[in-house]
N, C-alpha and C. Protein backbone atom coordinates (compact mmCIF):
# COMPACT_ATOMS: atom_id res chain seq x y z
N MET A 1 101.60 103.65 97.60
CA MET A 1 100.53 104.25 98.37
C MET A 1 101.03 104.37 99.83
N GLU A 2 100.83 105.53 100.38
CA GLU A 2 101.24 105.77 101.76
C GLU A 2 100.29 105.08 102.73
N ASN A 3 100.82 104.55 103.81
CA ASN A 3 100.01 103.91 104.84
C ASN A 3 99.64 104.94 105.90
N LEU A 4 98.42 104.91 106.36
CA LEU A 4 97.99 105.74 107.45
C LEU A 4 98.78 105.35 108.69
N GLN A 5 99.33 106.33 109.41
CA GLN A 5 100.14 106.05 110.58
C GLN A 5 99.40 106.32 111.88
N SER A 6 98.44 107.25 111.87
CA SER A 6 97.75 107.59 113.10
C SER A 6 96.41 108.28 112.78
N GLU A 7 95.53 108.32 113.75
CA GLU A 7 94.27 109.04 113.57
C GLU A 7 94.54 110.55 113.48
N GLU A 8 95.61 111.01 114.15
CA GLU A 8 95.98 112.43 114.02
C GLU A 8 96.37 112.75 112.61
N GLN A 9 97.14 111.87 111.98
CA GLN A 9 97.53 112.05 110.59
C GLN A 9 96.29 112.12 109.69
N LEU A 10 95.33 111.26 109.97
CA LEU A 10 94.10 111.25 109.18
C LEU A 10 93.42 112.62 109.22
N GLN A 11 93.36 113.21 110.36
CA GLN A 11 92.74 114.55 110.49
C GLN A 11 93.45 115.57 109.60
N GLU A 12 94.79 115.51 109.57
CA GLU A 12 95.54 116.39 108.70
C GLU A 12 95.27 116.09 107.23
N LEU A 13 95.24 114.82 106.88
CA LEU A 13 95.04 114.42 105.50
C LEU A 13 93.64 114.84 104.99
N LEU A 14 92.68 114.85 105.86
CA LEU A 14 91.31 115.20 105.44
C LEU A 14 91.19 116.64 104.94
N GLU A 15 92.20 117.46 105.24
CA GLU A 15 92.17 118.84 104.78
C GLU A 15 92.64 118.96 103.31
N LYS A 16 93.15 117.91 102.75
CA LYS A 16 93.62 117.95 101.38
C LYS A 16 92.43 118.13 100.42
N ASP A 17 92.71 118.73 99.26
CA ASP A 17 91.67 118.91 98.27
C ASP A 17 90.99 117.63 97.87
N LYS A 18 91.79 116.63 97.49
CA LYS A 18 91.24 115.39 96.98
C LYS A 18 91.96 114.23 97.61
N LEU A 19 91.21 113.45 98.40
CA LEU A 19 91.79 112.36 99.16
C LEU A 19 90.95 111.08 98.94
N ILE A 20 91.64 109.99 98.76
CA ILE A 20 90.96 108.70 98.68
C ILE A 20 91.60 107.78 99.72
N LEU A 21 90.76 107.28 100.61
CA LEU A 21 91.18 106.28 101.58
C LEU A 21 90.82 104.90 101.06
N MET A 22 91.81 104.00 101.04
CA MET A 22 91.58 102.65 100.63
C MET A 22 91.74 101.77 101.87
N PHE A 23 90.67 101.10 102.22
CA PHE A 23 90.66 100.21 103.42
C PHE A 23 90.89 98.78 102.97
N SER A 24 91.87 98.14 103.61
CA SER A 24 92.14 96.75 103.31
C SER A 24 92.86 96.09 104.51
N ALA A 25 93.24 94.83 104.32
CA ALA A 25 93.98 94.09 105.36
C ALA A 25 94.90 93.09 104.71
N ASP A 26 95.95 92.74 105.43
CA ASP A 26 96.93 91.78 104.90
C ASP A 26 96.34 90.43 104.56
N TRP A 27 95.33 90.00 105.33
CA TRP A 27 94.77 88.68 105.19
C TRP A 27 93.68 88.57 104.13
N CYS A 28 93.35 89.69 103.48
CA CYS A 28 92.22 89.78 102.56
C CYS A 28 92.65 89.46 101.13
N PRO A 29 92.24 88.33 100.54
CA PRO A 29 92.64 87.99 99.16
C PRO A 29 92.12 88.97 98.13
N ASP A 30 90.92 89.50 98.33
CA ASP A 30 90.35 90.45 97.38
C ASP A 30 91.11 91.79 97.41
N CYS A 31 91.69 92.08 98.57
CA CYS A 31 92.52 93.29 98.67
C CYS A 31 93.82 93.10 97.89
N HIS A 32 94.42 91.93 97.96
CA HIS A 32 95.65 91.67 97.21
C HIS A 32 95.38 91.57 95.72
N PHE A 33 94.18 91.26 95.31
CA PHE A 33 93.84 91.20 93.91
C PHE A 33 94.04 92.54 93.22
N ILE A 34 93.83 93.65 93.92
CA ILE A 34 93.94 94.98 93.31
C ILE A 34 95.38 95.53 93.42
N ASP A 35 96.24 94.89 94.21
CA ASP A 35 97.61 95.36 94.41
C ASP A 35 98.37 95.60 93.10
N PRO A 36 98.32 94.70 92.14
CA PRO A 36 99.13 94.89 90.92
C PRO A 36 98.79 96.13 90.11
N PHE A 37 97.54 96.55 90.09
CA PHE A 37 97.19 97.71 89.24
C PHE A 37 96.98 99.01 90.00
N MET A 38 96.98 98.98 91.32
CA MET A 38 96.75 100.22 92.05
C MET A 38 97.83 101.29 91.79
N PRO A 39 99.11 100.95 91.66
CA PRO A 39 100.07 102.01 91.31
C PRO A 39 99.77 102.71 90.00
N GLU A 40 99.25 102.01 89.02
CA GLU A 40 98.83 102.63 87.76
C GLU A 40 97.60 103.52 87.96
N VAL A 41 96.68 103.10 88.80
CA VAL A 41 95.49 103.91 89.08
C VAL A 41 95.94 105.22 89.79
N GLU A 42 96.83 105.08 90.74
CA GLU A 42 97.34 106.28 91.42
C GLU A 42 98.05 107.21 90.45
N GLU A 43 98.80 106.67 89.53
CA GLU A 43 99.47 107.49 88.54
C GLU A 43 98.48 108.19 87.62
N LYS A 44 97.43 107.51 87.26
CA LYS A 44 96.44 108.08 86.35
C LYS A 44 95.66 109.22 87.02
N TYR A 45 95.45 109.10 88.33
CA TYR A 45 94.68 110.09 89.09
C TYR A 45 95.57 110.83 90.07
N ARG A 46 96.60 111.48 89.52
CA ARG A 46 97.64 112.12 90.35
C ARG A 46 97.11 113.31 91.16
N ASP A 47 95.94 113.83 90.83
CA ASP A 47 95.42 114.97 91.58
C ASP A 47 94.81 114.50 92.92
N TYR A 48 94.75 113.19 93.15
CA TYR A 48 94.25 112.64 94.39
C TYR A 48 95.42 112.15 95.25
N THR A 49 95.27 112.28 96.56
CA THR A 49 96.19 111.65 97.50
C THR A 49 95.56 110.34 97.92
N PHE A 50 96.26 109.25 97.71
CA PHE A 50 95.77 107.92 98.07
C PHE A 50 96.43 107.50 99.37
N ILE A 51 95.61 107.06 100.32
CA ILE A 51 96.13 106.59 101.60
C ILE A 51 95.55 105.22 101.91
N HIS A 52 96.44 104.29 102.26
CA HIS A 52 96.00 102.94 102.63
C HIS A 52 95.71 102.91 104.12
N VAL A 53 94.50 102.41 104.47
CA VAL A 53 94.10 102.29 105.86
C VAL A 53 93.99 100.79 106.20
N ASP A 54 94.83 100.33 107.09
CA ASP A 54 94.79 98.92 107.49
C ASP A 54 93.61 98.71 108.42
N ARG A 55 92.68 97.88 107.97
CA ARG A 55 91.44 97.65 108.72
C ARG A 55 91.70 97.16 110.11
N ASP A 56 92.67 96.29 110.31
CA ASP A 56 92.96 95.72 111.60
C ASP A 56 93.62 96.71 112.55
N GLN A 57 94.45 97.59 111.99
CA GLN A 57 95.13 98.60 112.79
C GLN A 57 94.23 99.77 113.17
N PHE A 58 93.27 100.07 112.27
CA PHE A 58 92.41 101.24 112.49
C PHE A 58 90.94 100.87 112.47
N ILE A 59 90.59 99.90 113.31
CA ILE A 59 89.20 99.42 113.36
C ILE A 59 88.24 100.55 113.80
N ASP A 60 88.71 101.44 114.65
CA ASP A 60 87.85 102.56 115.05
C ASP A 60 87.55 103.52 113.89
N VAL A 61 88.53 103.70 113.01
CA VAL A 61 88.30 104.56 111.82
C VAL A 61 87.30 103.86 110.92
N CYS A 62 87.44 102.55 110.75
CA CYS A 62 86.50 101.80 109.93
C CYS A 62 85.09 101.95 110.49
N SER A 63 84.96 101.80 111.75
CA SER A 63 83.65 101.93 112.41
C SER A 63 83.12 103.36 112.26
N GLN A 64 83.94 104.34 112.43
CA GLN A 64 83.54 105.74 112.32
C GLN A 64 82.97 106.03 110.93
N TYR A 65 83.52 105.43 109.91
CA TYR A 65 83.09 105.66 108.54
C TYR A 65 82.20 104.54 107.98
N ASP A 66 81.73 103.64 108.84
CA ASP A 66 80.85 102.53 108.45
C ASP A 66 81.45 101.69 107.32
N VAL A 67 82.71 101.36 107.48
CA VAL A 67 83.40 100.50 106.51
C VAL A 67 83.51 99.13 107.17
N PHE A 68 82.67 98.20 106.74
CA PHE A 68 82.68 96.86 107.34
C PHE A 68 83.07 95.80 106.34
N GLY A 69 83.25 96.17 105.08
CA GLY A 69 83.71 95.23 104.04
C GLY A 69 84.96 95.79 103.42
N ILE A 70 85.86 94.92 102.99
CA ILE A 70 87.09 95.37 102.35
C ILE A 70 87.34 94.52 101.11
N PRO A 71 88.02 95.04 100.14
CA PRO A 71 88.58 96.40 100.06
C PRO A 71 87.45 97.41 99.80
N SER A 72 87.64 98.61 100.36
CA SER A 72 86.67 99.67 100.19
C SER A 72 87.39 100.99 100.03
N PHE A 73 86.74 101.92 99.35
CA PHE A 73 87.29 103.24 99.07
C PHE A 73 86.34 104.35 99.50
N LEU A 74 86.91 105.39 100.12
CA LEU A 74 86.15 106.58 100.46
C LEU A 74 86.85 107.77 99.80
N GLY A 75 86.04 108.65 99.20
CA GLY A 75 86.60 109.84 98.57
C GLY A 75 86.22 111.07 99.41
N PHE A 76 87.18 111.97 99.57
CA PHE A 76 86.95 113.21 100.34
C PHE A 76 87.43 114.40 99.54
N HIS A 77 86.76 115.56 99.77
CA HIS A 77 87.17 116.83 99.20
C HIS A 77 87.16 117.81 100.36
N LYS A 78 88.35 118.28 100.73
CA LYS A 78 88.51 119.24 101.82
C LYS A 78 87.73 118.82 103.08
N GLY A 79 87.90 117.54 103.45
CA GLY A 79 87.33 117.05 104.70
C GLY A 79 85.93 116.51 104.61
N LYS A 80 85.29 116.70 103.49
CA LYS A 80 83.89 116.24 103.35
C LYS A 80 83.87 114.98 102.48
N GLU A 81 83.15 113.97 102.95
CA GLU A 81 83.05 112.73 102.16
C GLU A 81 82.19 113.04 100.93
N VAL A 82 82.71 112.69 99.76
CA VAL A 82 82.00 112.95 98.52
C VAL A 82 81.64 111.71 97.74
N GLY A 83 82.12 110.56 98.26
CA GLY A 83 81.75 109.29 97.57
C GLY A 83 82.31 108.12 98.30
N ARG A 84 81.63 106.98 98.10
CA ARG A 84 82.09 105.74 98.73
C ARG A 84 81.87 104.54 97.82
N PHE A 85 82.81 103.65 97.87
CA PHE A 85 82.72 102.38 97.14
C PHE A 85 83.05 101.33 98.17
N VAL A 86 82.02 100.98 98.96
CA VAL A 86 82.19 100.18 100.14
C VAL A 86 81.40 98.91 100.01
N SER A 87 82.09 97.78 100.04
CA SER A 87 81.45 96.49 100.05
C SER A 87 82.51 95.43 100.32
N LYS A 88 82.08 94.22 100.52
CA LYS A 88 83.03 93.12 100.74
C LYS A 88 83.45 92.44 99.43
N ASP A 89 82.90 92.91 98.33
CA ASP A 89 83.14 92.28 97.05
C ASP A 89 84.49 92.64 96.44
N ARG A 90 85.03 91.74 95.64
CA ARG A 90 86.23 92.03 94.86
C ARG A 90 85.98 93.16 93.92
N LYS A 91 86.94 94.05 93.76
CA LYS A 91 86.79 95.20 92.87
C LYS A 91 87.71 95.07 91.67
N THR A 92 87.25 95.47 90.53
CA THR A 92 88.07 95.47 89.32
C THR A 92 88.67 96.86 89.14
N ARG A 93 89.69 96.92 88.32
CA ARG A 93 90.31 98.22 87.99
C ARG A 93 89.25 99.16 87.39
N GLU A 94 88.42 98.63 86.51
CA GLU A 94 87.42 99.48 85.89
C GLU A 94 86.42 100.04 86.88
N GLU A 95 86.04 99.23 87.84
CA GLU A 95 85.10 99.70 88.89
C GLU A 95 85.74 100.77 89.76
N ILE A 96 86.99 100.60 90.10
CA ILE A 96 87.70 101.58 90.91
C ILE A 96 87.87 102.88 90.18
N GLU A 97 88.24 102.82 88.92
CA GLU A 97 88.42 104.01 88.11
C GLU A 97 87.07 104.72 87.90
N SER A 98 86.01 103.98 87.70
CA SER A 98 84.68 104.54 87.54
C SER A 98 84.28 105.28 88.83
N PHE A 99 84.57 104.67 89.97
CA PHE A 99 84.29 105.34 91.25
C PHE A 99 85.05 106.66 91.35
N ILE A 100 86.35 106.63 91.05
CA ILE A 100 87.15 107.87 91.16
C ILE A 100 86.60 108.95 90.22
N GLU A 101 86.24 108.55 89.01
CA GLU A 101 85.73 109.54 88.05
C GLU A 101 84.39 110.09 88.47
N SER A 102 83.67 109.38 89.32
CA SER A 102 82.35 109.86 89.75
C SER A 102 82.46 110.88 90.88
N LEU A 103 83.65 111.05 91.42
CA LEU A 103 83.83 111.96 92.58
C LEU A 103 83.74 113.42 92.20
């Protein structure tokens, strides 16, 4: 999964057809819980661009999108938010896949 490098890059990425932002942080154990299976999720949903947003590096982006719990996911279609899976709770692979399928 590609890491977000700048807010300018985010603006460019938002123009993509299908984008999923995954918000997490290095210190978050629930974020690391999903690490082993996220490459398989990305492979399964290849029509989406997945971008990792480091909560500590991009706190303004988190605030802008009301993301206060991690790990969290936001789905976009051509710049418009079409879904969110935002909470402080641990997420399972099934929950993440269900969220993506709901977009």
